[in-house]
Protein backbone atom coordinates (compact mmCIF):
# COMPACT_ATOMS: atom_id res chain seq x y z
CA MET A 1 30.52 0.20 17.83
CA ALA A 2 32.63 -1.19 15.11
CA THR A 3 30.97 -1.30 11.82
CA THR A 4 31.17 -4.93 10.93
CA MET A 5 28.58 -5.85 8.42
CA VAL A 6 26.91 -8.83 7.39
CA THR A 7 25.13 -10.00 4.21
CA THR A 8 21.43 -10.26 4.52
CA GLY A 9 19.03 -11.93 2.33
CA GLY A 10 21.65 -11.77 -0.63
CA GLU A 11 21.33 -8.18 -0.84
CA HIS A 12 24.25 -5.62 0.24
CA GLU A 13 25.51 -5.84 4.02
CA GLN A 14 22.86 -4.00 6.40
CA THR A 15 23.34 -2.43 9.71
CA VAL A 16 20.03 -1.17 10.99
CA CYS A 17 18.64 0.65 14.14
CA VAL A 18 15.74 0.07 16.22
CA THR A 19 14.22 2.69 18.71
CA GLY A 20 12.71 1.41 21.73
CA ALA A 21 14.79 -1.91 21.56
CA GLY A 22 14.07 -3.02 25.32
CA GLY A 23 10.27 -2.85 24.84
CA PHE A 24 7.82 -5.89 24.31
CA ILE A 25 7.66 -5.41 20.39
CA GLY A 26 11.16 -3.92 20.28
CA SER A 27 13.02 -6.82 21.71
CA TRP A 28 11.52 -9.29 19.52
CA LEU A 29 12.47 -7.25 16.45
CA VAL A 30 15.76 -7.24 17.53
CA LYS A 31 15.89 -10.89 17.81
CA GLU A 32 14.18 -11.30 14.72
CA LEU A 33 16.98 -8.87 12.87
CA LEU A 34 19.72 -10.83 14.68
CA GLN A 35 18.23 -14.25 13.49
CA ARG A 36 18.30 -12.72 10.03
CA GLY A 37 21.98 -11.75 10.33
CA TYR A 38 21.67 -7.73 10.49
CA VAL A 39 24.16 -5.76 12.63
CA VAL A 40 21.54 -4.00 14.91
CA ARG A 41 21.63 -0.73 17.07
CA GLY A 42 19.06 -0.64 19.95
CA THR A 43 18.12 2.79 21.30
CA VAL A 44 17.18 2.51 24.99
CA ARG A 45 17.09 5.09 27.61
CA ASP A 46 19.74 3.43 29.65
CA PRO A 47 22.02 0.75 28.15
CA GLU A 48 23.06 -0.40 31.67
CA ASP A 49 19.58 -0.76 33.15
CA HIS A 50 18.93 -4.32 34.15
CA LYS A 51 15.65 -4.26 32.23
CA ASN A 52 17.53 -4.26 28.99
CA ALA A 53 19.75 -7.23 29.95
CA HIS A 54 17.46 -9.80 28.24
CA LEU A 55 18.69 -8.26 25.23
CA HIS A 56 22.45 -9.09 25.43
CA GLY A 57 21.42 -12.98 25.95
CA LEU A 58 19.94 -13.16 22.31
CA ASP A 59 21.40 -15.17 19.93
CA GLY A 60 24.17 -12.99 17.77
CA ALA A 61 23.74 -10.45 20.48
CA GLU A 62 27.11 -10.55 21.46
CA ARG A 63 29.09 -9.60 18.19
CA ARG A 64 26.11 -7.97 16.04
CA LEU A 65 24.28 -5.86 18.88
CA SER A 66 25.26 -2.74 20.45
CA LEU A 67 22.52 -0.46 22.72
CA TYR A 68 22.76 3.20 22.34
CA ARG A 69 21.40 5.64 24.85
CA ALA A 70 18.97 7.84 23.18
CA ASN A 71 15.89 9.84 23.55
CA VAL A 72 13.32 10.90 20.69
CA LEU A 73 13.16 14.19 21.71
CA ASP A 74 16.84 14.63 21.67
CA CYS A 75 17.73 14.83 18.07
CA ASN A 76 21.55 14.69 18.73
CA SER A 77 21.37 11.26 20.51
CA ILE A 78 19.07 9.74 17.78
CA ARG A 79 21.21 11.06 14.97
CA ALA A 80 24.55 9.35 16.69
CA ALA A 81 22.53 6.04 16.87
CA PHE A 82 21.61 6.24 13.60
CA SER A 83 25.23 7.05 12.05
CA LEU A 84 26.25 4.54 9.27
CA CYS A 85 23.10 2.52 9.51
CA ASN A 86 21.31 1.58 6.35
CA GLY A 87 17.76 1.39 7.57
CA VAL A 88 15.73 2.49 10.72
CA PHE A 89 12.67 0.73 12.76
CA HIS A 90 10.94 3.21 14.73
CA VAL A 91 9.15 1.31 17.55
CA ALA A 92 9.69 3.46 20.72
CA SER A 93 6.54 4.93 21.72
CA PRO A 94 4.68 5.67 25.13
CA VAL A 95 1.58 2.79 25.30
CA SER A 96 -0.33 5.43 27.64
CA ASN A 97 -3.73 7.49 27.84
CA ASP A 98 -1.79 10.34 29.17
CA PRO A 99 -2.00 13.41 27.34
CA GLU A 100 1.05 14.79 28.46
CA LEU A 101 2.93 12.15 26.31
CA LEU A 102 1.59 13.02 23.24
CA PRO A 103 4.80 15.12 22.47
CA THR A 104 6.98 11.97 22.97
CA ALA A 105 4.68 9.97 20.40
CA ILE A 106 4.32 12.95 17.88
CA GLU A 107 7.44 14.89 17.99
CA GLY A 108 9.50 12.02 18.69
CA THR A 109 8.39 10.61 15.44
CA LYS A 110 9.19 13.70 13.61
CA ASN A 111 12.63 13.76 14.91
CA VAL A 112 13.40 10.10 14.05
CA ILE A 113 12.15 10.62 10.26
CA ASN A 114 14.30 13.88 10.19
CA ALA A 115 17.28 12.42 11.89
CA ALA A 116 17.39 9.24 9.21
CA ALA A 117 17.13 11.76 6.51
CA ASP A 118 19.96 13.92 8.14
CA MET A 119 22.20 10.64 8.03
CA GLY A 120 21.47 9.78 4.70
CA ILE A 121 18.86 6.92 5.69
CA LYS A 122 16.25 5.99 2.75
CA ARG A 123 14.51 3.35 4.21
CA VAL A 124 12.50 3.60 7.76
CA VAL A 125 9.85 1.22 9.14
CA PHE A 126 7.57 2.78 11.60
CA THR A 127 5.21 0.96 14.14
CA SER A 128 1.93 2.11 14.25
CA SER A 129 -1.29 0.58 15.96
CA TYR A 130 -4.67 -0.23 14.94
CA GLY A 131 -5.92 2.39 17.25
CA ALA A 132 -4.93 4.66 14.38
CA VAL A 133 -7.48 2.68 12.07
CA HIS A 134 -10.43 1.43 13.76
CA MET A 135 -11.46 4.09 16.26
CA ASN A 136 -14.08 5.63 13.84
CA PRO A 137 -17.77 5.68 14.76
CA ASN A 138 -18.88 6.23 11.26
CA ARG A 139 -17.59 3.32 9.53
CA SER A 140 -20.05 0.53 9.10
CA PRO A 141 -19.83 -2.88 10.99
CA ASP A 142 -19.89 -4.23 7.75
CA GLN A 143 -17.14 -2.30 6.13
CA THR A 144 -13.80 -4.47 5.84
CA LEU A 145 -11.20 -2.88 7.74
CA ASP A 146 -8.06 -1.98 5.71
CA GLU A 147 -5.13 0.06 4.71
CA SER A 148 -7.46 3.10 3.34
CA CYS A 149 -8.87 3.22 6.98
CA TRP A 150 -8.28 5.82 9.87
CA SER A 151 -9.24 6.66 13.21
CA ASP A 152 -11.48 9.64 13.66
CA LEU A 153 -9.32 12.33 15.62
CA GLU A 154 -12.30 14.28 16.98
CA PHE A 155 -13.76 11.09 18.24
CA CYS A 156 -10.44 10.37 19.66
CA LYS A 157 -10.55 13.90 21.56
CA GLN A 158 -14.24 13.16 22.48
CA THR A 159 -13.75 9.60 24.14
CA GLN A 160 -10.25 10.97 25.38
CA ASN A 161 -8.37 8.40 23.85
CA TRP A 162 -5.21 9.96 23.73
CA TYR A 163 -3.04 6.72 22.85
CA CYS A 164 -5.12 6.29 19.73
CA TYR A 165 -4.97 10.02 18.74
CA ALA A 166 -1.27 10.11 19.05
CA LYS A 167 -0.79 7.01 17.16
CA THR A 168 -3.04 8.54 14.50
CA VAL A 169 -1.13 11.98 14.48
CA ALA A 170 2.04 10.19 14.86
CA GLU A 171 1.56 8.29 11.52
CA ARG A 172 0.50 11.08 9.68
CA THR A 173 3.36 12.87 10.68
CA ALA A 174 5.59 10.48 9.66
CA MET A 175 4.18 10.23 6.30
CA GLU A 176 4.25 14.03 5.95
CA GLU A 177 8.15 14.12 7.11
CA ALA A 178 9.10 11.51 4.92
CA SER A 179 7.76 12.45 1.70
CA GLY A 180 9.37 15.76 2.46
CA ARG A 181 12.76 14.50 3.32
CA GLY A 182 12.86 11.81 0.43
CA VAL A 183 12.29 8.99 2.93
CA GLN A 184 10.81 5.39 2.12
CA LEU A 185 8.35 4.90 4.78
CA LEU A 186 6.90 1.44 5.54
CA VAL A 187 4.27 1.40 8.39
CA VAL A 188 3.20 -1.84 10.15
CA VAL A 189 -0.19 -1.38 11.83
CA PRO A 190 -0.27 -4.13 14.26
CA ALA A 191 -3.38 -5.18 16.55
CA VAL A 192 -3.60 -5.86 20.39
CA THR A 193 -0.13 -7.54 20.42
CA VAL A 194 0.14 -10.60 22.61
CA GLY A 195 2.66 -13.67 23.37
CA GLU A 196 5.71 -14.53 25.32
CA MET A 197 7.49 -11.54 26.54
CA LEU A 198 11.27 -11.57 26.47
CA GLN A 199 11.68 -8.12 28.70
CA PRO A 200 11.07 -8.91 32.31
CA ALA A 201 8.34 -5.98 32.82
CA LEU A 202 5.12 -6.44 32.10
CA ASN A 203 3.92 -4.39 29.24
CA ALA A 204 0.42 -2.89 28.43
CA SER A 205 -0.96 -5.45 26.25
CA VAL A 206 -0.12 -8.56 28.21
CA TYR A 207 -1.01 -6.79 31.40
CA ARG A 208 -4.63 -6.70 29.82
CA VAL A 209 -4.55 -10.75 29.60
CA ALA A 210 -3.21 -10.90 33.32
CA THR A 211 -6.33 -9.01 34.32
CA TYR A 212 -8.39 -11.41 33.12
CA MET A 213 -6.28 -14.62 34.58
CA ARG A 214 -5.93 -12.87 37.97
CA GLY A 215 -9.96 -12.69 38.38
CA THR A 216 -9.45 -8.80 38.94
CA LYS A 217 -11.49 -8.35 35.86
CA ARG A 218 -14.87 -9.28 37.09
CA ALA A 219 -16.74 -8.85 33.70
CA TYR A 220 -15.77 -8.47 30.08
CA PRO A 221 -17.13 -5.57 28.17
CA ASN A 222 -19.63 -6.30 25.22
CA ALA A 223 -16.86 -5.47 22.53
CA VAL A 224 -14.50 -6.72 20.24
CA ALA A 225 -10.75 -6.37 19.83
CA ALA A 226 -8.11 -7.48 17.24
CA TYR A 227 -5.13 -9.55 18.35
CA VAL A 228 -1.88 -10.44 16.88
CA ASP A 229 1.56 -12.75 18.13
CA VAL A 230 4.25 -10.46 18.88
CA ARG A 231 6.52 -12.78 16.82
CA ASP A 232 4.69 -11.96 13.64
CA VAL A 233 4.64 -8.43 14.48
CA ALA A 234 8.51 -8.47 14.38
CA ARG A 235 8.41 -10.68 11.10
CA ALA A 236 6.27 -8.12 9.39
CA HIS A 237 8.87 -5.38 10.48
CA ALA A 238 11.39 -7.58 8.54
CA LEU A 239 9.37 -8.60 5.33
CA VAL A 240 8.06 -4.98 4.82
CA TYR A 241 11.91 -3.83 5.20
CA GLU A 242 13.11 -6.43 3.13
CA HIS A 243 10.93 -6.34 0.19
CA PRO A 244 12.00 -3.96 -2.43
CA ALA A 245 8.32 -2.76 -3.60
CA ALA A 246 6.82 -2.35 -0.44
CA ARG A 247 5.41 0.83 0.49
CA GLY A 248 2.73 2.16 2.67
CA ARG A 249 0.94 0.62 5.38
CA TYR A 250 0.64 -2.99 6.19
CA LEU A 251 -1.97 -4.22 8.50
CA CYS A 252 -0.91 -6.85 10.90
CA ILE A 253 -3.69 -8.64 12.37
CA ALA A 254 -4.47 -12.34 13.12
CA GLY A 255 -7.92 -12.38 14.27
CA VAL A 256 -10.73 -10.01 15.86
CA LEU A 257 -12.52 -11.66 18.56
CA HIS A 258 -15.59 -10.84 20.92
CA ARG A 259 -14.21 -10.43 24.77
CA SER A 260 -16.46 -13.39 25.32
CA GLU A 261 -14.54 -15.64 23.08
CA PHE A 262 -11.44 -14.18 24.42
CA ALA A 263 -12.09 -15.34 27.78
CA ARG A 264 -13.31 -18.55 26.77
CA ILE A 265 -10.21 -19.31 24.86
CA LEU A 266 -8.32 -18.67 28.04
CA ARG A 267 -10.78 -20.36 30.43
CA GLU A 268 -10.46 -23.48 27.97
CA LEU A 269 -6.64 -23.34 28.01
CA PHE A 270 -6.32 -22.62 31.93
CA PRO A 271 -9.45 -24.15 33.56
CA GLN A 272 -7.97 -23.42 37.07
CA TYR A 273 -7.53 -19.54 36.77
CA PRO A 274 -10.63 -17.61 37.90
CA VAL A 275 -11.27 -16.05 34.35
CA THR A 276 -14.71 -14.34 34.57
CA THR A 277 -17.66 -15.67 32.60
CA ARG A 278 -19.85 -12.26 33.09
CA CYS A 279 -20.66 -9.52 30.60
CA GLU A 280 -20.93 -5.99 31.70
CA ASP A 281 -23.99 -5.38 29.54
CA ASN A 282 -26.50 -8.05 28.61
CA SER A 283 -29.29 -5.58 27.90
CA LYS A 284 -27.70 -5.56 24.25
CA PRO A 285 -26.83 -8.27 21.46
CA LEU A 286 -23.33 -9.09 21.22
CA VAL A 287 -21.07 -6.74 19.41
CA LYS A 288 -20.09 -8.67 16.22
CA PRO A 289 -16.67 -9.04 15.15
CA TYR A 290 -15.83 -6.59 12.14
CA LYS A 291 -14.13 -7.98 8.98
CA PHE A 292 -10.58 -7.15 8.24
CA SER A 293 -8.13 -7.77 5.54
CA VAL A 294 -4.37 -8.44 5.74
CA GLN A 295 -3.65 -9.02 2.06
CA ARG A 296 -0.92 -6.65 1.61
CA LEU A 297 0.81 -8.21 4.36
CA GLU A 298 0.03 -11.85 3.19
CA ALA A 299 1.55 -10.98 -0.30
CA LEU A 300 4.75 -10.44 1.16
CA GLY A 301 4.69 -14.01 2.57
CA MET A 302 3.38 -13.59 6.01
CA HIS A 303 1.40 -16.30 7.85
CA PHE A 304 0.01 -15.70 11.15
CA THR A 305 0.24 -17.54 14.58
CA PRO A 306 -3.27 -18.82 15.65
CA LEU A 307 -4.50 -16.92 18.29
CA LYS A 308 -4.98 -19.95 20.95
CA GLU A 309 -1.26 -20.76 20.57
CA SER A 310 -0.73 -16.80 21.08
CA PHE A 311 -2.81 -16.83 24.35
CA TYR A 312 -1.43 -19.90 25.85
CA ASN A 313 2.15 -18.49 25.04
CA THR A 314 1.24 -15.40 26.86
CA VAL A 315 0.26 -16.76 30.24
CA ILE A 316 3.09 -19.01 30.40
CA SER A 317 5.11 -16.18 29.64
CA LEU A 318 3.45 -14.35 32.67
CA GLN A 319 3.90 -17.50 34.74
CA ASP A 320 7.81 -17.76 34.04
CA LYS A 321 8.36 -14.03 34.53
CA GLY A 322 6.67 -14.36 38.13
CA HIS A 323 3.63 -12.22 37.02
CA LEU A 324 0.88 -14.95 37.68
CA PRO A 325 1.04 -18.18 40.08
CA ALA A 326 2.17 -21.15 37.82
CA ILE A 327 -0.98 -23.28 38.32
CA PRO A 328 -0.60 -26.66 36.46
CA HIS A 329 -2.27 -26.20 33.05
CA HIS A 330 -3.68 -28.75 30.25
CA ARG A 331 -1.27 -28.51 27.22
CA SER A 332 -3.73 -30.97 25.56
CA ALA A 333 -5.94 -27.87 25.43
CA MET A 334 -3.87 -26.52 22.39
């Protein structure tokens, strides 16, 4: 690819690389960076695969986006993608509970940090997950979840939550490698990410919404979850990268809801769909949503999309992509 550069944010010209560019968050991050004027390289398994075709349709993609065949377990392939880049956004990671994919998440992250250092890149943004902060049975329900919180690895093992285990270890690995190699590491920690899909395939977090809309989820658990809009996650990555003083972790959460409230909002927005009204366990009081702090990200200028809008856009996207029947809905419910 030609190394044509652009001026970004009044600073020096920037070329950046996004790993996992064809995924849910990766696609929106590529879109965000193109809108901000960056030259973007995206790593994907196969640049010719039709599932990555949507990236070529983004505004600015024709002149400022190129896709590189790369695998995070292949150091040579990621070094080639990072060559002549100013920064890296490491998004690629399996969203799976398969323990056999742990090396891809952990060793892959280690490889990315070291490849960036090898290529002289000083600033890397890593996409973690709130699975790396909230899985701790010893945390008081009254404690505010913030950047100081970490998931308990033994608890993740005991509950066989290998995705949260992988993200926790991968984030700690990124910190250790970055510290040893002189790389400035910034970590965005998004909650369950929802919103419009740019990619054609159904991703894991949006699939959760689809199960409720289809009625295949017959009852909701007595549990809470944190959510955030995918557009906000993409903006958060750009904000921390562009802010010179940004360092460390940044929670990216728009709200924490009990699953009953989540289901109620979906029913209110789309009453024609068979969204369950039943709780799996009525024998105990409803779990209360925990408090959280996103002050660090808000201090950089972050404003979060209301979750009702995010859920609405999720369902409309599921319809548009053919994953749900296009039943008429009430826009006025927004």
